[in-house]
Amino acid sequence: MSNFYDKLCPFYHLIFEDLDASIEKQGSQLSAIIESNWSQHQTVLDVSCGIGTQAIGLSKYGYRVTASDLSANEVERAKQEAQQREQTNILFSVCDMRTAFGHHGGNFDIVISCDNSIPHLLTDDDILSALQQMYFCLKPGGGCLITIRDYDQEQRCGKNIVKPYGKAKIENGKRYVALQVWDFDEQHFQHYDFTLYMIEEDLNCKEVVTHAMHSRYYAIGSEKLIRLMQNAGFENVIRLDESFYQPVFIGTRPLT
């Protein structure tokens, strides 16, 4: 998993049509969800920060953010992206979300994991372990916020499933086109191997280089994720639609 994101790191911004616009929009949307469900909460722990899209966005909205990711390369880039946007108070570090409590400790108001990070964990036990760590990182009454792909709407079969990924972008005289190819496990239809192709074309000499990055996902459905969040101890677990570009799942650590 970390190898996939280490390789993706230099190209990560190319997935977005406009990275700054995405940071602003996602910060606004996540802030609205937090305000609606856990008002007066200000400290946020992001356990899968990537290059900082959500962490920076929430920091811009006044939250005190701590952020970590399994990929050391992405954490370094997140620091750079935050510094460029004058969000220098975010505390970044390298951490597997399955060890979040041991690494970060507790007493956070909000814990988040966005951008389909949870499905990189390939078993219910691993997902439950991560959710329990997130639970322990929260103070009583604190909120957990997770976003994943809407796997309830995906056809869970087949190989060579091609999915466009963003729009073509031109940067420094080169055109970049990204696409995904999915290969589902034909025995159980719960997991799929995933290849992200970043096609790089030099517009001057027309030379083309293709970068291929591989990973694997668990196509976890909404009911299963909600049940695992409940098993981890969260209450009032629900799915929110039309609040973010992916379905949002929220739950609250009980006060007692």
C-alpha atoms as a PDB file:
ATOM      1  CA  MET A   1       0.000   0.000   0.000  1.00  0.00           C
ATOM      2  CA  SER A   2       2.700   2.515   0.988  1.00  0.00           C
ATOM      3  CA  ASN A   3       4.667   1.598  -2.163  1.00  0.00           C
ATOM      4  CA  PHE A   4       1.651   2.542  -4.309  1.00  0.00           C
ATOM      5  CA  TYR A   5       1.377   5.974  -2.710  1.00  0.00           C
ATOM      6  CA  ASP A   6       5.131   6.554  -2.671  1.00  0.00           C
ATOM      7  CA  LYS A   7       5.068   6.088  -6.466  1.00  0.00           C
ATOM      8  CA  LEU A   8       1.903   8.152  -6.916  1.00  0.00           C
ATOM      9  CA  CYS A   9       3.203  11.029  -4.800  1.00  0.00           C
ATOM     10  CA  PRO A  10       4.873  13.112  -7.584  1.00  0.00           C
ATOM     11  CA  PHE A  11       1.728  12.870  -9.725  1.00  0.00           C
ATOM     12  CA  TYR A  12      -0.912  13.167  -6.998  1.00  0.00           C
ATOM     13  CA  HIS A  13      -1.895  16.772  -7.768  1.00  0.00           C
ATOM     14  CA  LEU A  14      -2.540  15.827 -11.403  1.00  0.00           C
ATOM     15  CA  ILE A  15      -5.558  13.795 -10.328  1.00  0.00           C
ATOM     16  CA  PHE A  16      -7.302  17.048  -9.406  1.00  0.00           C
ATOM     17  CA  GLU A  17      -8.564  19.519 -11.978  1.00  0.00           C
ATOM     18  CA  ASP A  18      -7.419  22.246  -9.563  1.00  0.00           C
ATOM     19  CA  LEU A  19      -5.755  21.189  -6.312  1.00  0.00           C
ATOM     20  CA  ASP A  20      -6.351  24.512  -4.545  1.00  0.00           C
ATOM     21  CA  ALA A  21     -10.022  24.473  -5.499  1.00  0.00           C
ATOM     22  CA  SER A  22     -10.325  20.897  -4.210  1.00  0.00           C
ATOM     23  CA  ILE A  23      -8.638  21.805  -0.928  1.00  0.00           C
ATOM     24  CA  GLU A  24     -11.033  24.720  -0.458  1.00  0.00           C
ATOM     25  CA  LYS A  25     -14.154  22.762  -1.445  1.00  0.00           C
ATOM     26  CA  GLN A  26     -13.365  19.690   0.635  1.00  0.00           C
ATOM     27  CA  GLY A  27     -12.414  21.824   3.631  1.00  0.00           C
ATOM     28  CA  SER A  28     -15.728  23.647   3.355  1.00  0.00           C
ATOM     29  CA  GLN A  29     -17.773  20.457   2.971  1.00  0.00           C
ATOM     30  CA  LEU A  30     -16.069  18.614   5.818  1.00  0.00           C
ATOM     31  CA  SER A  31     -16.306  21.653   8.074  1.00  0.00           C
ATOM     32  CA  ALA A  32     -20.043  21.836   7.395  1.00  0.00           C
ATOM     33  CA  ILE A  33     -20.490  18.170   8.335  1.00  0.00           C
ATOM     34  CA  ILE A  34     -18.483  18.630  11.528  1.00  0.00           C
ATOM     35  CA  GLU A  35     -20.417  21.753  12.512  1.00  0.00           C
ATOM     36  CA  SER A  36     -23.737  20.015  11.871  1.00  0.00           C
ATOM     37  CA  ASN A  37     -22.921  16.971  13.992  1.00  0.00           C
ATOM     38  CA  TRP A  38     -20.301  17.996  16.567  1.00  0.00           C
ATOM     39  CA  SER A  39     -20.456  21.733  17.088  1.00  0.00           C
ATOM     40  CA  GLN A  40     -17.727  23.443  19.109  1.00  0.00           C
ATOM     41  CA  HIS A  41     -15.214  20.721  18.190  1.00  0.00           C
ATOM     42  CA  GLN A  42     -11.864  22.074  17.007  1.00  0.00           C
ATOM     43  CA  THR A  43      -9.115  19.413  17.115  1.00  0.00           C
ATOM     44  CA  VAL A  44      -8.928  17.060  14.133  1.00  0.00           C
ATOM     45  CA  LEU A  45      -6.817  13.948  13.571  1.00  0.00           C
ATOM     46  CA  ASP A  46      -6.495  12.823   9.942  1.00  0.00           C
ATOM     47  CA  VAL A  47      -5.188   9.233   9.922  1.00  0.00           C
ATOM     48  CA  SER A  48      -4.787   8.972   6.112  1.00  0.00           C
ATOM     49  CA  CYS A  49      -3.781  12.457   5.033  1.00  0.00           C
ATOM     50  CA  GLY A  50      -2.165  11.735   1.654  1.00  0.00           C
ATOM     51  CA  ILE A  51      -0.654  14.972   0.364  1.00  0.00           C
ATOM     52  CA  GLY A  52      -2.819  16.951   2.778  1.00  0.00           C
ATOM     53  CA  THR A  53      -5.966  17.763   0.801  1.00  0.00           C
ATOM     54  CA  GLN A  54      -8.411  17.489   3.714  1.00  0.00           C
ATOM     55  CA  ALA A  55      -5.936  18.385   6.474  1.00  0.00           C
ATOM     56  CA  ILE A  56      -4.982  21.650   4.773  1.00  0.00           C
ATOM     57  CA  GLY A  57      -8.594  22.405   3.911  1.00  0.00           C
ATOM     58  CA  LEU A  58      -9.738  22.005   7.509  1.00  0.00           C
ATOM     59  CA  SER A  59      -6.769  23.972   8.807  1.00  0.00           C
ATOM     60  CA  LYS A  60      -7.847  26.851   6.551  1.00  0.00           C
ATOM     61  CA  TYR A  61     -11.222  26.725   8.313  1.00  0.00           C
ATOM     62  CA  GLY A  62      -9.629  27.197  11.705  1.00  0.00           C
ATOM     63  CA  TYR A  63      -9.328  23.597  12.930  1.00  0.00           C
ATOM     64  CA  ARG A  64      -6.233  22.492  14.816  1.00  0.00           C
ATOM     65  CA  VAL A  65      -5.097  19.572  12.700  1.00  0.00           C
ATOM     66  CA  THR A  66      -2.785  16.619  13.327  1.00  0.00           C
ATOM     67  CA  ALA A  67      -2.217  14.404  10.293  1.00  0.00           C
ATOM     68  CA  SER A  68      -0.461  11.171   9.417  1.00  0.00           C
ATOM     69  CA  ASP A  69      -0.158   8.681   6.586  1.00  0.00           C
ATOM     70  CA  LEU A  70       1.498   5.349   5.922  1.00  0.00           C
ATOM     71  CA  SER A  71       3.473   6.797   2.995  1.00  0.00           C
ATOM     72  CA  ALA A  72       6.555   8.741   4.077  1.00  0.00           C
ATOM     73  CA  ASN A  73       6.791  10.372   0.646  1.00  0.00           C
ATOM     74  CA  GLU A  74       3.238  11.664   0.857  1.00  0.00           C
ATOM     75  CA  VAL A  75       3.795  13.027   4.355  1.00  0.00           C
ATOM     76  CA  GLU A  76       6.820  14.972   3.127  1.00  0.00           C
ATOM     77  CA  ARG A  77       4.832  16.360   0.226  1.00  0.00           C
ATOM     78  CA  ALA A  78       1.914  17.219   2.527  1.00  0.00           C
ATOM     79  CA  LYS A  79       4.302  19.293   4.630  1.00  0.00           C
ATOM     80  CA  GLN A  80       5.423  21.157   1.494  1.00  0.00           C
ATOM     81  CA  GLU A  81       1.852  21.729   0.292  1.00  0.00           C
ATOM     82  CA  ALA A  82       0.843  23.046   3.711  1.00  0.00           C
ATOM     83  CA  GLN A  83       3.844  25.372   3.881  1.00  0.00           C
ATOM     84  CA  GLN A  84       3.094  26.767   0.405  1.00  0.00           C
ATOM     85  CA  ARG A  85      -0.429  27.623   1.615  1.00  0.00           C
ATOM     86  CA  GLU A  86       0.786  29.091   4.927  1.00  0.00           C
ATOM     87  CA  GLN A  87      -0.805  26.325   7.002  1.00  0.00           C
ATOM     88  CA  THR A  88       2.291  25.667   9.078  1.00  0.00           C
ATOM     89  CA  ASN A  89       0.567  24.598  12.310  1.00  0.00           C
ATOM     90  CA  ILE A  90      -0.435  21.146  11.048  1.00  0.00           C
ATOM     91  CA  LEU A  91       1.519  18.388  12.796  1.00  0.00           C
ATOM     92  CA  PHE A  92       2.464  15.754  10.189  1.00  0.00           C
ATOM     93  CA  SER A  93       3.970  12.326  10.824  1.00  0.00           C
ATOM     94  CA  VAL A  94       4.212   8.802   9.374  1.00  0.00           C
ATOM     95  CA  CYS A  95       1.825   6.274  10.919  1.00  0.00           C
ATOM     96  CA  ASP A  96      -0.262   3.230  10.002  1.00  0.00           C
ATOM     97  CA  MET A  97      -3.871   3.976  10.981  1.00  0.00           C
ATOM     98  CA  ARG A  98      -3.977   0.588  12.720  1.00  0.00           C
ATOM     99  CA  THR A  99      -1.545   1.998  15.317  1.00  0.00           C
ATOM    100  CA  ALA A 100      -3.029   5.511  15.482  1.00  0.00           C
ATOM    101  CA  PHE A 101      -3.739   5.575  19.230  1.00  0.00           C
ATOM    102  CA  GLY A 102      -0.270   4.390  20.179  1.00  0.00           C
ATOM    103  CA  HIS A 103       1.243   7.006  17.892  1.00  0.00           C
ATOM    104  CA  HIS A 104      -1.029  10.017  18.455  1.00  0.00           C
ATOM    105  CA  GLY A 105      -2.662   9.365  21.810  1.00  0.00           C
ATOM    106  CA  GLY A 106      -6.237  10.365  22.588  1.00  0.00           C
ATOM    107  CA  ASN A 107      -8.461  13.345  23.353  1.00  0.00           C
ATOM    108  CA  PHE A 108      -9.119  14.521  19.787  1.00  0.00           C
ATOM    109  CA  ASP A 109     -12.498  16.045  18.942  1.00  0.00           C
ATOM    110  CA  ILE A 110     -12.708  14.566  15.445  1.00  0.00           C
ATOM    111  CA  VAL A 111     -10.926  11.745  13.605  1.00  0.00           C
ATOM    112  CA  ILE A 112     -11.181  11.509   9.815  1.00  0.00           C
ATOM    113  CA  SER A 113     -10.122   9.123   7.054  1.00  0.00           C
ATOM    114  CA  CYS A 114     -11.117  10.263   3.566  1.00  0.00           C
ATOM    115  CA  ASP A 115     -10.498   9.465  -0.108  1.00  0.00           C
ATOM    116  CA  ASN A 116     -11.282   5.733   0.059  1.00  0.00           C
ATOM    117  CA  SER A 117      -8.370   4.939   2.374  1.00  0.00           C
ATOM    118  CA  ILE A 118     -10.144   2.457   4.661  1.00  0.00           C
ATOM    119  CA  PRO A 119     -10.726  -0.061   1.797  1.00  0.00           C
ATOM    120  CA  HIS A 120      -6.969  -0.504   1.438  1.00  0.00           C
ATOM    121  CA  LEU A 121      -7.372  -2.693   4.542  1.00  0.00           C
ATOM    122  CA  LEU A 122      -8.355  -6.037   3.074  1.00  0.00           C
ATOM    123  CA  THR A 123     -10.084  -7.825   5.968  1.00  0.00           C
ATOM    124  CA  ASP A 124     -12.891  -7.016   8.379  1.00  0.00           C
ATOM    125  CA  ASP A 125     -10.455  -7.591  11.244  1.00  0.00           C
ATOM    126  CA  ASP A 126      -7.997  -5.002   9.913  1.00  0.00           C
ATOM    127  CA  ILE A 127     -10.751  -2.461   9.302  1.00  0.00           C
ATOM    128  CA  LEU A 128     -12.171  -3.077  12.774  1.00  0.00           C
ATOM    129  CA  SER A 129      -8.687  -2.653  14.252  1.00  0.00           C
ATOM    130  CA  ALA A 130      -8.287   0.719  12.505  1.00  0.00           C
ATOM    131  CA  LEU A 131     -11.743   1.843  13.617  1.00  0.00           C
ATOM    132  CA  GLN A 132     -11.000   0.876  17.217  1.00  0.00           C
ATOM    133  CA  GLN A 133      -7.778   2.907  17.077  1.00  0.00           C
ATOM    134  CA  MET A 134      -9.758   5.872  15.770  1.00  0.00           C
ATOM    135  CA  TYR A 135     -12.288   5.377  18.567  1.00  0.00           C
ATOM    136  CA  PHE A 136      -9.557   5.435  21.237  1.00  0.00           C
ATOM    137  CA  CYS A 137      -8.059   8.603  19.716  1.00  0.00           C
ATOM    138  CA  LEU A 138     -11.325  10.452  20.381  1.00  0.00           C
ATOM    139  CA  LYS A 139     -12.493  12.138  23.546  1.00  0.00           C
ATOM    140  CA  PRO A 140     -15.978  11.074  24.746  1.00  0.00           C
ATOM    141  CA  GLY A 141     -18.543  12.742  22.506  1.00  0.00           C
ATOM    142  CA  GLY A 142     -16.023  13.051  19.677  1.00  0.00           C
ATOM    143  CA  GLY A 143     -16.841  12.203  16.087  1.00  0.00           C
ATOM    144  CA  CYS A 144     -15.478   9.837  13.456  1.00  0.00           C
ATOM    145  CA  LEU A 145     -15.838  10.757   9.764  1.00  0.00           C
ATOM    146  CA  ILE A 146     -14.954   8.357   6.942  1.00  0.00           C
ATOM    147  CA  THR A 147     -15.428   8.639   3.189  1.00  0.00           C
ATOM    148  CA  ILE A 148     -15.184   5.760   0.712  1.00  0.00           C
ATOM    149  CA  ARG A 149     -16.241   4.938  -2.838  1.00  0.00           C
ATOM    150  CA  ASP A 150     -19.887   4.005  -3.227  1.00  0.00           C
ATOM    151  CA  TYR A 151     -19.227   0.299  -3.637  1.00  0.00           C
ATOM    152  CA  ASP A 152     -22.952  -0.385  -3.315  1.00  0.00           C
ATOM    153  CA  GLN A 153     -23.246   0.987  -6.861  1.00  0.00           C
ATOM    154  CA  GLU A 154     -20.284  -0.865  -8.366  1.00  0.00           C
ATOM    155  CA  GLN A 155     -20.633  -4.003 -10.448  1.00  0.00           C
ATOM    156  CA  ARG A 156     -18.556  -6.479  -8.436  1.00  0.00           C
ATOM    157  CA  CYS A 157     -17.354  -8.754 -11.188  1.00  0.00           C
ATOM    158  CA  GLY A 158     -15.126  -8.862 -14.200  1.00  0.00           C
ATOM    159  CA  LYS A 159     -11.610  -7.920 -15.179  1.00  0.00           C
ATOM    160  CA  ASN A 160     -10.118  -5.187 -17.333  1.00  0.00           C
ATOM    161  CA  ILE A 161     -12.713  -2.685 -16.090  1.00  0.00           C
ATOM    162  CA  VAL A 162     -11.456   0.685 -17.324  1.00  0.00           C
ATOM    163  CA  LYS A 163     -12.387   3.822 -15.413  1.00  0.00           C
ATOM    164  CA  PRO A 164     -11.337   7.363 -16.394  1.00  0.00           C
ATOM    165  CA  TYR A 165      -9.630   9.227 -13.587  1.00  0.00           C
ATOM    166  CA  GLY A 166      -9.958  12.983 -13.714  1.00  0.00           C
ATOM    167  CA  LYS A 167      -9.221  15.076 -16.788  1.00  0.00           C
ATOM    168  CA  ALA A 168      -6.138  15.415 -18.935  1.00  0.00           C
ATOM    169  CA  LYS A 169      -3.780  18.085 -17.617  1.00  0.00           C
ATOM    170  CA  ILE A 170      -0.886  19.972 -19.168  1.00  0.00           C
ATOM    171  CA  GLU A 171       2.054  20.920 -16.964  1.00  0.00           C
ATOM    172  CA  ASN A 172       5.567  22.042 -17.929  1.00  0.00           C
ATOM    173  CA  GLY A 173       5.122  21.093 -21.567  1.00  0.00           C
ATOM    174  CA  LYS A 174       3.746  17.646 -20.821  1.00  0.00           C
ATOM    175  CA  ARG A 175       0.246  16.219 -21.018  1.00  0.00           C
ATOM    176  CA  TYR A 176      -0.871  13.789 -18.324  1.00  0.00           C
ATOM    177  CA  VAL A 177      -3.796  11.397 -18.645  1.00  0.00           C
ATOM    178  CA  ALA A 178      -4.812   9.112 -15.761  1.00  0.00           C
ATOM    179  CA  LEU A 179      -7.002   6.038 -15.848  1.00  0.00           C
ATOM    180  CA  GLN A 180      -7.759   3.076 -13.622  1.00  0.00           C
ATOM    181  CA  VAL A 181      -8.118  -0.597 -14.485  1.00  0.00           C
ATOM    182  CA  TRP A 182      -9.890  -2.925 -12.031  1.00  0.00           C
ATOM    183  CA  ASP A 183      -9.614  -6.719 -11.889  1.00  0.00           C
ATOM    184  CA  PHE A 184     -12.093  -8.279  -9.459  1.00  0.00           C
ATOM    185  CA  ASP A 185     -11.351 -11.466  -7.575  1.00  0.00           C
ATOM    186  CA  GLU A 186     -13.655 -13.860  -9.391  1.00  0.00           C
ATOM    187  CA  GLN A 187     -14.001 -16.208  -6.416  1.00  0.00           C
ATOM    188  CA  HIS A 188     -15.455 -13.822  -3.831  1.00  0.00           C
ATOM    189  CA  PHE A 189     -16.068 -10.543  -5.730  1.00  0.00           C
ATOM    190  CA  GLN A 190     -15.080  -8.584  -2.603  1.00  0.00           C
ATOM    191  CA  HIS A 191     -11.573  -7.548  -3.587  1.00  0.00           C
ATOM    192  CA  TYR A 192     -10.089  -6.128  -6.738  1.00  0.00           C
ATOM    193  CA  ASP A 193      -6.600  -5.467  -7.980  1.00  0.00           C
ATOM    194  CA  PHE A 194      -6.182  -1.915  -9.077  1.00  0.00           C
ATOM    195  CA  THR A 195      -3.744  -0.336 -11.520  1.00  0.00           C
ATOM    196  CA  LEU A 196      -3.502   3.420 -11.884  1.00  0.00           C
ATOM    197  CA  TYR A 197      -1.892   4.386 -15.185  1.00  0.00           C
ATOM    198  CA  MET A 198      -0.437   7.874 -15.471  1.00  0.00           C
ATOM    199  CA  ILE A 199       0.327   8.495 -19.145  1.00  0.00           C
ATOM    200  CA  GLU A 200       2.910  11.247 -19.632  1.00  0.00           C
ATOM    201  CA  GLU A 201       3.320  12.763 -23.118  1.00  0.00           C
ATOM    202  CA  ASP A 202       6.022  15.283 -23.963  1.00  0.00           C
ATOM    203  CA  LEU A 203       4.223  17.746 -26.242  1.00  0.00           C
ATOM    204  CA  ASN A 204       7.452  18.847 -27.901  1.00  0.00           C
ATOM    205  CA  CYS A 205       9.028  15.543 -28.909  1.00  0.00           C
ATOM    206  CA  LYS A 206       5.824  13.456 -28.607  1.00  0.00           C
ATOM    207  CA  GLU A 207       7.586  10.873 -26.459  1.00  0.00           C
ATOM    208  CA  VAL A 208       5.179   8.954 -24.219  1.00  0.00           C
ATOM    209  CA  VAL A 209       6.012   7.335 -20.874  1.00  0.00           C
ATOM    210  CA  THR A 210       3.465   5.345 -18.887  1.00  0.00           C
ATOM    211  CA  HIS A 211       3.737   5.012 -15.123  1.00  0.00           C
ATOM    212  CA  ALA A 212       1.796   2.082 -13.644  1.00  0.00           C
ATOM    213  CA  MET A 213       1.020   1.893  -9.916  1.00  0.00           C
ATOM    214  CA  HIS A 214      -0.580  -1.181  -8.369  1.00  0.00           C
ATOM    215  CA  SER A 215      -2.648  -1.767  -5.250  1.00  0.00           C
ATOM    216  CA  ARG A 216      -5.596  -3.808  -3.998  1.00  0.00           C
ATOM    217  CA  TYR A 217      -8.911  -2.753  -2.483  1.00  0.00           C
ATOM    218  CA  TYR A 218     -11.715  -4.284  -0.453  1.00  0.00           C
ATOM    219  CA  ALA A 219     -15.002  -3.249  -2.090  1.00  0.00           C
ATOM    220  CA  ILE A 220     -16.728  -2.899   1.250  1.00  0.00           C
ATOM    221  CA  GLY A 221     -20.436  -2.081   1.225  1.00  0.00           C
ATOM    222  CA  SER A 222     -22.217   0.498   3.335  1.00  0.00           C
ATOM    223  CA  GLU A 223     -23.975  -1.981   5.634  1.00  0.00           C
ATOM    224  CA  LYS A 224     -20.720  -3.784   6.436  1.00  0.00           C
ATOM    225  CA  LEU A 225     -18.823  -0.560   7.172  1.00  0.00           C
ATOM    226  CA  ILE A 226     -21.640   0.740   9.387  1.00  0.00           C
ATOM    227  CA  ARG A 227     -21.688  -2.548  11.295  1.00  0.00           C
ATOM    228  CA  LEU A 228     -17.927  -2.480  11.815  1.00  0.00           C
ATOM    229  CA  MET A 229     -18.102   1.116  13.072  1.00  0.00           C
ATOM    230  CA  GLN A 230     -20.793   0.035  15.531  1.00  0.00           C
ATOM    231  CA  ASN A 231     -18.658  -2.954  16.593  1.00  0.00           C
ATOM    232  CA  ALA A 232     -15.792  -0.564  17.268  1.00  0.00           C
ATOM    233  CA  GLY A 233     -18.030   1.272  19.750  1.00  0.00           C
ATOM    234  CA  PHE A 234     -19.435   4.177  17.737  1.00  0.00           C
ATOM    235  CA  GLU A 235     -23.029   5.255  18.194  1.00  0.00           C
ATOM    236  CA  ASN A 236     -25.448   7.010  15.840  1.00  0.00           C
ATOM    237  CA  VAL A 237     -23.605   5.635  12.816  1.00  0.00           C
ATOM    238  CA  ILE A 238     -25.148   6.801   9.559  1.00  0.00           C
ATOM    239  CA  ARG A 239     -24.317   7.301   5.897  1.00  0.00           C
ATOM    240  CA  LEU A 240     -24.568  10.817   4.450  1.00  0.00           C
ATOM    241  CA  ASP A 241     -25.044  11.397   0.743  1.00  0.00           C
ATOM    242  CA  GLU A 242     -24.589  14.561  -1.301  1.00  0.00           C
ATOM    243  CA  SER A 243     -22.395  16.128   1.375  1.00  0.00           C
ATOM    244  CA  PHE A 244     -19.052  15.235  -0.220  1.00  0.00           C
ATOM    245  CA  TYR A 245     -17.807  13.766  -3.481  1.00  0.00           C
ATOM    246  CA  GLN A 246     -17.948  10.314  -1.846  1.00  0.00           C
ATOM    247  CA  PRO A 247     -20.456   8.835   0.624  1.00  0.00           C
ATOM    248  CA  VAL A 248     -19.677   9.953   4.178  1.00  0.00           C
ATOM    249  CA  PHE A 249     -20.015   7.688   7.219  1.00  0.00           C
ATOM    250  CA  ILE A 250     -20.138   9.275  10.652  1.00  0.00           C
ATOM    251  CA  GLY A 251     -20.326   7.972  14.180  1.00  0.00           C
ATOM    252  CA  THR A 252     -19.833   9.331  17.694  1.00  0.00           C
ATOM    253  CA  ARG A 253     -17.922   7.991  20.674  1.00  0.00           C
ATOM    254  CA  PRO A 254     -20.405   7.788  23.579  1.00  0.00           C
ATOM    255  CA  LEU A 255     -20.039  10.244  26.428  1.00  0.00           C
ATOM    256  CA  THR A 256     -19.825   7.403  28.929  1.00  0.00           C
END
